[in-house]
C-alpha cells in the first residue's frame, strides 16, 4: 500500500541540464523508494516521446507530463487535455501579427510554425536535430500545450490577450 508520494522534476533535478539520463545511484534511490512503498512520480513540462527511455530505466508508471496536461497513474490515463482549435488559431493570429513562432506539442511529437532567431536559439539549446516546421500541425494532431518563442517584453501582451476569464 502506497502511503507517501514523492514528486520529481527532470531538468536540473533528476537529470543534469544535458541529456535526459540519470546516474546508477538515482536508479537505486528510486528502487529503494518503491521498496518502502513510496510512489515516485515524475512531473515535467516534457512530453512522453522525450522521456520513454527514462521511464523504462526507472520503471516508473505514474507521471505528470506537458505541465499537467497529460497524467498517467499506474499506466492508466487520467488526463489528456487538448487545446481547442479556436484558441490555437487566436494565438497564431497574434503570433503572426508580431512575427513570433509557435510550437505545438503532444505526447507523440511536435512541430513549429517557423524558425526565427528565438526559435533557432531554443532548438540549439535543446540539441534538437530534426525540427518539423508545420504550421497546420494543430489541425491534424491533438495539441497538449503550446510554446511561444517571444522576447520577454512581449510576454505581458500575450498574457493580457489570453488571460482566463
Protein backbone atom coordinates (compact mmCIF):
# COMPACT_ATOMS: atom_id res chain seq x y z
CA UNK A 1 0.00 0.00 0.00
CA UNK A 2 1.35 3.41 -1.01
CA UNK A 3 1.40 5.84 1.89
CA UNK A 4 3.68 8.53 0.51
CA UNK A 5 4.21 10.13 -2.87
CA UNK A 6 7.46 11.80 -3.90
CA UNK A 7 7.40 14.08 -6.94
CA UNK A 8 10.49 14.85 -9.02
CA UNK A 9 11.16 17.29 -11.82
CA UNK A 10 13.58 16.12 -14.51
CA UNK A 11 15.62 19.01 -15.88
CA UNK A 12 18.13 20.11 -13.28
CA UNK A 13 16.68 17.79 -10.63
CA UNK A 14 16.84 14.09 -11.54
CA UNK A 15 18.73 14.91 -14.73
CA UNK A 16 21.52 17.41 -15.33
CA UNK A 17 20.92 20.18 -17.83
CA UNK A 18 22.22 17.94 -20.62
CA UNK A 19 20.59 14.77 -21.95
CA UNK A 20 17.79 13.04 -20.08
CA UNK A 21 19.81 10.42 -18.25
CA UNK A 22 20.27 9.52 -14.63
CA UNK A 23 23.09 8.00 -12.63
CA UNK A 24 23.05 4.45 -11.32
CA UNK A 25 22.72 5.98 -7.83
CA UNK A 26 19.49 7.65 -8.89
CA UNK A 27 18.14 4.35 -10.25
CA UNK A 28 18.98 2.68 -6.93
CA UNK A 29 17.35 5.51 -4.96
CA UNK A 30 14.12 5.20 -6.99
CA UNK A 31 14.09 1.43 -6.42
CA UNK A 32 14.61 1.99 -2.69
CA UNK A 33 11.66 4.40 -2.55
CA UNK A 34 9.44 1.83 -4.25
CA UNK A 35 10.52 -0.91 -1.81
CA UNK A 36 9.49 1.41 1.03
CA UNK A 37 6.04 1.88 -0.57
CA UNK A 38 6.83 5.44 -1.59
CA UNK A 39 5.45 6.24 -5.03
CA UNK A 40 7.98 8.17 -7.15
CA UNK A 41 6.27 10.48 -9.65
CA UNK A 42 7.85 12.47 -12.47
CA UNK A 43 6.33 15.93 -13.03
CA UNK A 44 7.73 17.79 -16.02
CA UNK A 45 6.91 20.04 -18.93
CA UNK A 46 8.29 17.41 -21.26
CA UNK A 47 6.25 15.03 -23.40
CA UNK A 48 6.10 11.23 -23.36
CA UNK A 49 8.14 10.78 -26.54
CA UNK A 50 11.03 12.60 -24.83
CA UNK A 51 11.14 10.51 -21.66
CA UNK A 52 10.08 7.00 -22.68
CA UNK A 53 13.59 5.57 -22.24
CA UNK A 54 13.97 7.24 -18.85
CA UNK A 55 10.59 5.93 -17.64
CA UNK A 56 11.65 2.42 -18.66
CA UNK A 57 15.05 2.78 -17.00
CA UNK A 58 13.47 3.92 -13.73
CA UNK A 59 10.50 1.53 -14.06
CA UNK A 60 8.04 4.37 -13.41
CA UNK A 61 4.35 4.04 -14.22
CA UNK A 62 2.99 7.29 -12.75
CA UNK A 63 3.90 10.64 -14.25
CA UNK A 64 2.61 14.13 -14.94
CA UNK A 65 3.73 15.49 -18.32
CA UNK A 66 3.21 18.54 -20.50
CA UNK A 67 2.93 20.77 -17.41
CA UNK A 68 -0.06 18.80 -16.13
CA UNK A 69 -1.89 18.34 -19.43
CA UNK A 70 -1.09 14.62 -19.61
CA UNK A 71 -1.32 12.45 -16.48
CA UNK A 72 -0.77 8.72 -16.12
CA UNK A 73 -1.34 6.87 -12.84
CA UNK A 74 -0.24 3.22 -12.68
CA UNK A 75 -0.21 3.07 -16.50
CA UNK A 76 -3.79 4.40 -16.70
CA UNK A 77 -4.61 7.65 -18.47
CA UNK A 78 -6.07 10.16 -16.00
CA UNK A 79 -5.92 13.34 -18.10
CA UNK A 80 -5.10 14.22 -21.70
CA UNK A 81 -6.02 17.88 -22.17
CA UNK A 82 -6.17 19.15 -25.75
CA UNK A 83 -6.15 22.83 -26.64
CA UNK A 84 -9.28 23.82 -28.59
CA UNK A 85 -8.50 24.65 -32.21
CA UNK A 86 -10.19 28.07 -31.97
CA UNK A 87 -7.87 29.05 -29.09
CA UNK A 88 -4.82 27.89 -31.04
CA UNK A 89 -5.98 29.91 -34.05
CA UNK A 90 -6.24 33.00 -31.83
CA UNK A 91 -2.69 32.52 -30.55
CA UNK A 92 -1.39 32.00 -34.09
CA UNK A 93 -3.13 35.16 -35.36
CA UNK A 94 -1.43 37.20 -32.65
CA UNK A 95 1.92 35.47 -33.18
CA UNK A 96 1.72 36.15 -36.91
CA UNK A 97 0.95 39.79 -36.22
CA UNK A 98 4.09 40.11 -34.06
CA UNK A 99 6.21 37.80 -36.28
CA UNK A 100 6.58 35.24 -33.49
CA UNK A 101 6.76 31.46 -33.77
CA UNK A 102 4.52 28.95 -32.03
CA UNK A 103 5.40 25.38 -31.08
CA UNK A 104 2.73 22.66 -30.89
CA UNK A 105 3.35 19.67 -28.62
CA UNK A 106 1.59 16.41 -27.85
CA UNK A 107 2.77 13.09 -26.44
CA UNK A 108 3.94 11.71 -29.77
CA UNK A 109 5.77 14.71 -31.23
CA UNK A 110 5.84 18.39 -32.05
CA UNK A 111 6.05 20.97 -34.81
CA UNK A 112 6.68 24.70 -35.05
CA UNK A 113 5.25 27.44 -37.24
CA UNK A 114 8.61 28.84 -38.33
CA UNK A 115 12.25 29.31 -37.47
CA UNK A 116 13.10 32.81 -36.29
CA UNK A 117 16.16 33.72 -34.21
CA UNK A 118 14.49 32.93 -30.87
CA UNK A 119 13.20 29.60 -32.13
CA UNK A 120 16.62 28.70 -33.52
CA UNK A 121 18.20 29.54 -30.14
CA UNK A 122 15.71 27.24 -28.40
CA UNK A 123 16.39 24.45 -30.90
CA UNK A 124 20.15 24.80 -30.45
CA UNK A 125 19.92 24.96 -26.64
CA UNK A 126 17.92 21.72 -26.60
CA UNK A 127 20.22 20.00 -29.12
CA UNK A 128 17.33 19.21 -31.47
CA UNK A 129 18.40 17.80 -34.82
CA UNK A 130 15.12 17.45 -36.68
CA UNK A 131 12.59 20.23 -36.15
CA UNK A 132 9.43 19.93 -38.25
CA UNK A 133 8.11 23.26 -39.50
CA UNK A 134 4.43 22.51 -39.95
CA UNK A 135 2.08 25.44 -39.18
CA UNK A 136 -1.01 23.25 -39.73
CA UNK A 137 0.07 20.56 -37.20
CA UNK A 138 -2.73 21.51 -34.80
CA UNK A 139 -5.38 20.83 -37.46
CA UNK A 140 -4.27 17.20 -37.82
CA UNK A 141 -2.91 16.30 -34.37
CA UNK A 142 -4.11 16.96 -30.82
CA UNK A 143 -2.09 19.61 -29.00
CA UNK A 144 -1.41 19.33 -25.27
CA UNK A 145 0.50 22.58 -24.98
CA UNK A 146 1.96 25.46 -26.92
CA UNK A 147 5.29 27.26 -26.73
CA UNK A 148 5.60 30.86 -27.78
CA UNK A 149 9.07 31.86 -28.92
CA UNK A 150 9.00 35.50 -27.85
CA UNK A 151 11.16 38.13 -26.19
CA UNK A 152 10.44 38.92 -22.56
CA UNK A 153 8.96 42.32 -23.39
CA UNK A 154 6.11 40.65 -25.33
CA UNK A 155 5.11 38.28 -22.55
CA UNK A 156 2.68 40.77 -20.95
CA UNK A 157 0.96 41.32 -24.32
CA UNK A 158 0.20 37.62 -24.70
CA UNK A 159 -0.78 37.23 -21.04
CA UNK A 160 -3.21 40.11 -21.32
CA UNK A 161 -4.70 38.83 -24.56
CA UNK A 162 -5.20 35.28 -23.32
CA UNK A 163 -5.79 35.52 -19.58
CA UNK A 164 -8.55 33.25 -18.32
CA UNK A 165 -11.86 34.97 -17.88
